[in-house]
Amino acid sequence: MKRRTLLKYLASISMPVYILPTNLFAGNRHHIKRVIPSSKESIPVIGMGSWLTFDIGDNQAALSSRIQVIQHFFNQGGGIIDSSPMYGSSEHTIGQCLKHINNDETLFAATKVWTWGKRAGIEQMKNSQSLWGIDSFKLMQIHNMLDWEDHLETLKEWKSNGHIHYIGITTSHGRRHDELEQVLNSEAFDFVQFTYNVIDREVEKRLLPLAQERGIAVIINRPFRGGDLFELFNNKPLPVWAGDFDCHNWAQFFLKFIVSHPAVTCTIPATSNVAHMDENMGAGVGQLPDNKMRQKMTRYLENI
């Protein structure tokens, strides 16, 4: 069964999930971190998304498997977990998982406000905090730029009084890139989140350089293009030279390409499977491809 198909299948039913050894990345292999420009705090380059994979409603068997996924994420040095009120029951699921998690001191909680109006936004963010069961969020983002001017006013207030640490804005649609560029040029954001992967590289032209110039941390969503990359390449041979930058599977190939860009702070692949989480977290250790290798990676994909 292909990885994308398996992800959808696991999200719909409950299945036993196993935990891999927590010392898998021990030894000389170091966890790669990137600095948040506005604070100099560092976070691991591989985070965790929750779109679709954590929208499980009240399915208790599915909840058990998600607890194992998040526990494994922390065991392997994970930090940022990203969600949104848009993602169905995902925030509630994360909150239920965190009640059962050990060693979650490294949690970098990130969610979004996704509604119209200042008052509705405040109520939504308070509800998200209650669902997660945490005192405060490290990062609050304006989801898909929805009513961003009203929400930005609130987020500035919340940041000034210490209720959140960072302010962000997101998009996953290329048609909003021009507007996003204007916003980033006019307002001071700590984080920006958008789509980037080995095929969708439009942001290399303007948004990534702009974020680097403005000192804005970058979170990358849809790193596997919604699973399409596995459909395209899973039956193709992983190049032998991938081992030169500690890459052992296609997930790591795709993720290491993303986080090797100097403007990228982290990426947030989503999964409901412990084995796939292990593959993802493996992209955050060892060596990363340099610019010459990145070009070799794109040429290889174009020619197979």
Protein backbone atom coordinates (compact mmCIF):
# COMPACT_ATOMS: atom_id res chain seq x y z
CA MET A 1 0.00 0.00 0.00
CA LYS A 2 1.39 3.41 -0.96
CA ARG A 3 2.14 5.86 1.83
CA ARG A 4 -0.55 8.37 0.85
CA THR A 5 -3.20 5.65 0.68
CA LEU A 6 -2.05 4.26 4.03
CA LEU A 7 -2.29 7.71 5.66
CA LYS A 8 -5.90 8.08 4.56
CA TYR A 9 -6.70 4.51 5.63
CA LEU A 10 -5.20 4.95 9.10
CA ALA A 11 -7.07 8.21 9.59
CA SER A 12 -10.38 6.42 9.06
CA ILE A 13 -9.89 3.35 11.25
CA SER A 14 -8.09 2.33 14.40
CA MET A 15 -5.04 0.14 14.03
CA PRO A 16 -2.28 -0.92 16.43
CA VAL A 17 0.81 1.25 16.11
CA TYR A 18 4.27 0.38 17.33
CA ILE A 19 6.89 2.57 18.95
CA LEU A 20 10.40 2.45 17.54
CA PRO A 21 13.46 2.74 19.82
CA THR A 22 13.87 6.23 21.27
CA ASN A 23 17.65 6.13 20.79
CA LEU A 24 17.46 5.54 17.05
CA PHE A 25 19.27 8.81 16.32
CA ALA A 26 21.83 8.52 19.10
CA GLY A 27 25.55 8.90 18.56
CA ASN A 28 27.19 11.51 16.39
CA ARG A 29 24.02 12.41 14.50
CA HIS A 30 22.82 15.78 15.77
CA HIS A 31 19.34 17.25 15.72
CA ILE A 32 19.30 20.15 13.31
CA LYS A 33 17.79 23.37 14.65
CA ARG A 34 17.20 26.81 13.18
CA VAL A 35 17.10 30.18 14.90
CA ILE A 36 13.95 32.31 15.02
CA PRO A 37 15.33 35.67 13.85
CA SER A 38 13.14 37.87 16.06
CA SER A 39 14.20 36.18 19.30
CA LYS A 40 17.25 33.96 18.60
CA GLU A 41 15.35 31.01 20.11
CA SER A 42 16.02 27.82 18.13
CA ILE A 43 13.61 25.07 17.13
CA PRO A 44 14.06 21.71 15.36
CA VAL A 45 13.69 21.86 11.59
CA ILE A 46 11.15 19.02 11.54
CA GLY A 47 7.85 19.79 13.20
CA MET A 48 4.43 18.19 13.02
CA GLY A 49 1.24 19.22 11.25
CA SER A 50 -2.24 17.99 12.13
CA TRP A 51 -4.43 18.63 9.09
CA LEU A 52 -6.60 15.53 8.39
CA THR A 53 -4.44 13.18 10.44
CA PHE A 54 -5.71 14.39 13.84
CA ASP A 55 -9.32 15.07 12.84
CA ILE A 56 -10.63 11.89 14.46
CA GLY A 57 -13.67 13.06 16.42
CA ASP A 58 -14.29 10.95 19.53
CA ASN A 59 -12.71 7.76 18.18
CA GLN A 60 -10.89 6.47 21.27
CA ALA A 61 -8.95 3.78 19.46
CA ALA A 62 -7.69 6.33 16.97
CA LEU A 63 -6.80 8.62 19.87
CA SER A 64 -4.57 5.92 21.31
CA SER A 65 -2.55 5.74 18.10
CA ARG A 66 -2.23 9.53 17.94
CA ILE A 67 -0.88 9.58 21.50
CA GLN A 68 1.86 7.20 20.35
CA VAL A 69 2.62 9.39 17.33
CA ILE A 70 3.06 12.54 19.44
CA GLN A 71 5.04 10.69 22.10
CA HIS A 72 7.37 9.40 19.41
CA PHE A 73 7.63 12.91 17.99
CA PHE A 74 8.91 14.19 21.33
CA ASN A 75 11.12 11.15 21.89
CA GLN A 76 12.87 11.97 18.61
CA GLY A 77 13.47 15.61 19.53
CA GLY A 78 10.32 17.18 18.10
CA GLY A 79 9.21 20.70 19.00
CA ILE A 80 6.59 22.57 17.01
CA ILE A 81 3.09 21.13 16.63
CA ASP A 82 0.89 23.15 14.28
CA SER A 83 -2.90 23.13 14.09
CA SER A 84 -5.93 25.30 13.36
CA PRO A 85 -9.65 25.57 14.17
CA MET A 86 -10.08 24.82 10.47
CA TYR A 87 -8.83 21.26 11.01
CA GLY A 88 -12.02 19.79 12.49
CA SER A 89 -11.38 18.04 15.82
CA SER A 90 -7.57 18.22 15.51
CA GLU A 91 -7.06 20.74 18.33
CA HIS A 92 -9.24 18.69 20.67
CA THR A 93 -7.29 15.55 19.72
CA ILE A 94 -3.95 17.24 20.39
CA GLY A 95 -5.17 18.40 23.78
CA GLN A 96 -6.29 14.89 24.69
CA CYS A 97 -2.95 13.49 23.56
CA LEU A 98 -0.93 16.00 25.57
CA LYS A 99 -2.65 14.81 28.76
CA HIS A 100 -0.96 11.42 28.26
CA ILE A 101 2.44 12.56 27.01
CA ASN A 102 5.71 12.37 28.90
CA ASN A 103 8.66 14.67 28.27
CA ASP A 104 6.69 17.30 26.37
CA GLU A 105 8.78 20.17 27.76
CA THR A 106 9.98 20.93 24.24
CA LEU A 107 6.45 21.59 22.94
CA PHE A 108 6.27 24.66 20.74
CA ALA A 109 2.50 25.07 20.48
CA ALA A 110 1.34 26.79 17.30
CA THR A 111 -2.20 27.31 16.09
CA LYS A 112 -4.18 29.84 14.09
CA VAL A 113 -7.10 32.22 14.18
CA TRP A 114 -9.52 31.56 11.34
CA THR A 115 -12.69 33.63 11.50
CA TRP A 116 -14.09 37.07 10.70
CA GLY A 117 -14.08 39.86 13.26
CA LYS A 118 -11.93 40.85 16.20
CA ARG A 119 -14.31 39.62 18.92
CA ALA A 120 -14.90 36.27 17.21
CA GLY A 121 -11.15 35.90 16.79
CA ILE A 122 -10.52 36.44 20.49
CA GLU A 123 -13.14 33.86 21.44
CA GLN A 124 -11.77 31.38 18.94
CA MET A 125 -8.21 31.72 20.25
CA LYS A 126 -9.39 31.31 23.85
CA ASN A 127 -11.26 28.18 22.81
CA SER A 128 -8.14 26.80 21.11
CA GLN A 129 -6.18 27.34 24.32
CA SER A 130 -8.83 25.44 26.24
CA LEU A 131 -8.86 22.59 23.72
CA TRP A 132 -5.07 22.21 23.89
CA GLY A 133 -5.12 22.48 27.69
CA ILE A 134 -2.13 24.82 27.80
CA ASP A 135 -1.47 28.16 29.49
CA SER A 136 -0.45 29.97 26.32
CA PHE A 137 0.61 29.45 22.71
CA LYS A 138 4.12 30.09 21.54
CA LEU A 139 2.85 31.06 18.09
CA MET A 140 -0.51 32.37 16.94
CA GLN A 141 -0.96 32.69 13.18
CA ILE A 142 -3.59 34.34 11.01
CA HIS A 143 -4.85 31.46 8.90
CA ASN A 144 -4.88 32.04 5.14
CA MET A 145 -4.73 35.80 5.78
CA LEU A 146 -8.41 35.83 6.75
CA ASP A 147 -9.36 39.26 8.17
CA TRP A 148 -5.69 39.75 8.95
CA GLU A 149 -5.84 43.44 9.86
CA ASP A 150 -8.38 42.95 12.66
CA HIS A 151 -6.60 39.91 14.04
CA LEU A 152 -3.15 41.47 13.84
CA GLU A 153 -4.29 44.25 16.17
CA THR A 154 -5.33 41.64 18.74
CA LEU A 155 -2.17 39.58 18.32
CA LYS A 156 0.02 42.62 18.90
CA GLU A 157 -1.83 43.23 22.16
CA TRP A 158 -1.51 39.59 23.20
CA LYS A 159 2.20 39.58 22.42
CA SER A 160 2.84 42.77 24.36
CA ASN A 161 1.19 41.33 27.48
CA GLY A 162 2.98 37.99 27.15
CA HIS A 163 -0.09 35.95 26.25
CA ILE A 164 1.66 34.71 23.10
CA HIS A 165 5.32 34.78 22.13
CA TYR A 166 5.16 35.09 18.35
CA ILE A 167 2.84 36.41 15.65
CA GLY A 168 2.50 34.70 12.28
CA ILE A 169 0.50 34.72 9.07
CA THR A 170 -0.13 31.84 6.67
CA THR A 171 -1.27 30.86 3.22
CA SER A 172 -1.33 27.59 1.33
CA HIS A 173 -2.57 29.07 -1.93
CA GLY A 174 -0.26 30.44 -4.60
CA ARG A 175 -2.85 32.96 -5.71
CA ARG A 176 -2.33 34.86 -2.44
CA HIS A 177 1.44 35.22 -2.77
CA ASP A 178 1.30 38.76 -4.14
CA GLU A 179 -0.90 39.93 -1.27
CA LEU A 180 1.25 38.10 1.26
CA GLU A 181 4.36 39.78 -0.09
CA GLN A 182 2.76 43.19 0.41
CA VAL A 183 1.73 42.34 3.96
CA LEU A 184 5.20 41.10 4.90
CA ASN A 185 6.69 44.29 3.54
CA SER A 186 4.31 46.49 5.55
CA GLU A 187 4.00 44.68 8.91
CA ALA A 188 6.40 43.06 11.36
CA PHE A 189 5.68 39.34 11.66
CA ASP A 190 7.78 36.81 13.57
CA PHE A 191 6.67 33.90 11.38
CA VAL A 192 5.22 33.28 7.96
CA GLN A 193 3.89 29.94 6.74
CA PHE A 194 3.40 28.88 3.13
CA THR A 195 3.77 25.93 0.75
CA TYR A 196 7.14 24.79 -0.58
CA ASN A 197 8.36 21.43 -1.80
CA VAL A 198 10.68 19.93 -4.38
CA ILE A 199 8.11 20.52 -7.12
CA ASP A 200 6.33 23.69 -5.97
CA ARG A 201 9.27 26.10 -5.84
CA GLU A 202 7.70 29.43 -6.79
CA VAL A 203 8.45 30.89 -3.34
CA GLU A 204 12.18 30.62 -4.04
CA LYS A 205 11.86 33.70 -6.26
CA ARG A 206 10.38 36.24 -3.86
CA LEU A 207 8.86 35.02 -0.59
CA LEU A 208 11.81 33.05 0.75
CA PRO A 209 14.34 35.83 -0.02
CA LEU A 210 11.95 38.41 1.43
CA ALA A 211 11.54 36.46 4.67
CA GLN A 212 15.30 36.16 4.96
CA GLU A 213 15.75 39.88 4.30
CA ARG A 214 13.05 40.87 6.80
CA GLY A 215 14.18 38.46 9.51
CA ILE A 216 11.00 36.37 9.49
CA ALA A 217 11.00 32.70 10.47
CA VAL A 218 9.51 30.43 7.80
CA ILE A 219 7.29 27.39 8.39
CA ILE A 220 6.69 25.21 5.33
CA ASN A 221 3.35 23.45 4.91
CA ARG A 222 2.37 20.74 2.43
CA PRO A 223 5.96 19.42 2.19
CA PHE A 224 4.74 16.22 0.51
CA ARG A 225 2.25 18.10 -1.69
CA GLY A 226 -0.64 16.45 0.13
CA GLY A 227 0.94 13.04 -0.46
CA ASP A 228 1.26 13.51 -4.23
CA LEU A 229 5.05 13.25 -4.09
CA PHE A 230 4.82 9.69 -2.83
CA GLU A 231 2.37 8.82 -5.59
CA LEU A 232 4.85 10.19 -8.13
CA PHE A 233 8.11 8.78 -6.83
CA ASN A 234 7.56 5.91 -4.37
CA ASN A 235 8.00 3.36 -7.17
CA LYS A 236 11.18 5.09 -8.37
CA PRO A 237 14.64 4.20 -7.03
CA LEU A 238 16.07 6.44 -4.33
CA PRO A 239 19.46 7.55 -5.68
CA VAL A 240 22.46 5.94 -4.04
CA TRP A 241 24.06 9.35 -3.52
CA ALA A 242 21.20 10.33 -1.19
CA GLY A 243 23.21 8.60 1.51
CA ASP A 244 25.79 11.38 1.21
CA PHE A 245 23.44 13.64 3.17
CA ASP A 246 22.07 10.95 5.53
CA CYS A 247 18.93 10.33 3.50
CA HIS A 248 17.46 6.82 3.58
CA ASN A 249 13.93 7.12 2.15
CA TRP A 250 11.79 9.38 -0.01
CA ALA A 251 10.25 11.22 2.95
CA GLN A 252 13.71 12.31 4.06
CA PHE A 253 14.65 13.21 0.49
CA PHE A 254 11.68 15.58 0.22
CA LEU A 255 12.07 17.05 3.71
CA LYS A 256 15.83 17.54 3.58
CA PHE A 257 15.44 19.42 0.31
CA ILE A 258 13.06 21.85 2.04
CA VAL A 259 14.95 22.46 5.28
CA SER A 260 18.29 22.79 3.49
CA HIS A 261 17.09 26.12 2.09
CA PRO A 262 18.74 28.76 4.30
CA ALA A 263 15.53 30.80 4.68
CA VAL A 264 13.48 27.87 6.00
CA THR A 265 13.11 27.52 9.75
CA CYS A 266 11.07 24.32 9.87
CA THR A 267 8.54 22.21 8.02
CA ILE A 268 5.45 20.47 9.39
CA PRO A 269 4.69 17.10 7.75
CA ALA A 270 1.56 15.41 9.07
CA THR A 271 1.16 11.71 9.79
CA SER A 272 -0.91 9.34 11.90
CA ASN A 273 1.64 6.53 11.66
CA VAL A 274 4.60 6.01 13.99
CA ALA A 275 6.80 4.46 11.31
CA HIS A 276 6.21 7.44 9.04
CA MET A 277 6.88 9.80 11.93
CA ASP A 278 10.20 8.04 12.36
CA GLU A 279 11.03 8.59 8.68
CA ASN A 280 10.07 12.26 8.96
CA MET A 281 12.14 12.87 12.09
CA GLY A 282 15.13 11.25 10.42
CA ALA A 283 15.22 14.23 8.07
CA GLY A 284 16.13 16.43 11.02
CA VAL A 285 19.41 14.72 11.87
CA GLY A 286 22.75 14.28 10.16
CA GLN A 287 23.82 16.20 7.08
CA LEU A 288 21.76 18.42 4.78
CA PRO A 289 22.33 18.80 1.03
CA ASP A 290 24.32 21.86 -0.05
CA ASN A 291 23.25 24.04 -2.97
CA LYS A 292 25.04 21.88 -5.53
CA MET A 293 23.36 18.76 -4.16
CA ARG A 294 19.95 20.49 -4.12
CA GLN A 295 20.31 21.14 -7.84
CA LYS A 296 21.27 17.52 -8.35
CA MET A 297 18.13 16.44 -6.46
CA THR A 298 15.79 18.48 -8.65
CA ARG A 299 17.48 17.30 -11.84
CA TYR A 300 17.15 13.69 -10.73
CA LEU A 301 13.40 14.07 -10.13
CA GLU A 302 12.91 15.78 -13.46
CA ASN A 303 14.60 12.93 -15.31
CA ILE A 304 13.23 9.78 -13.69
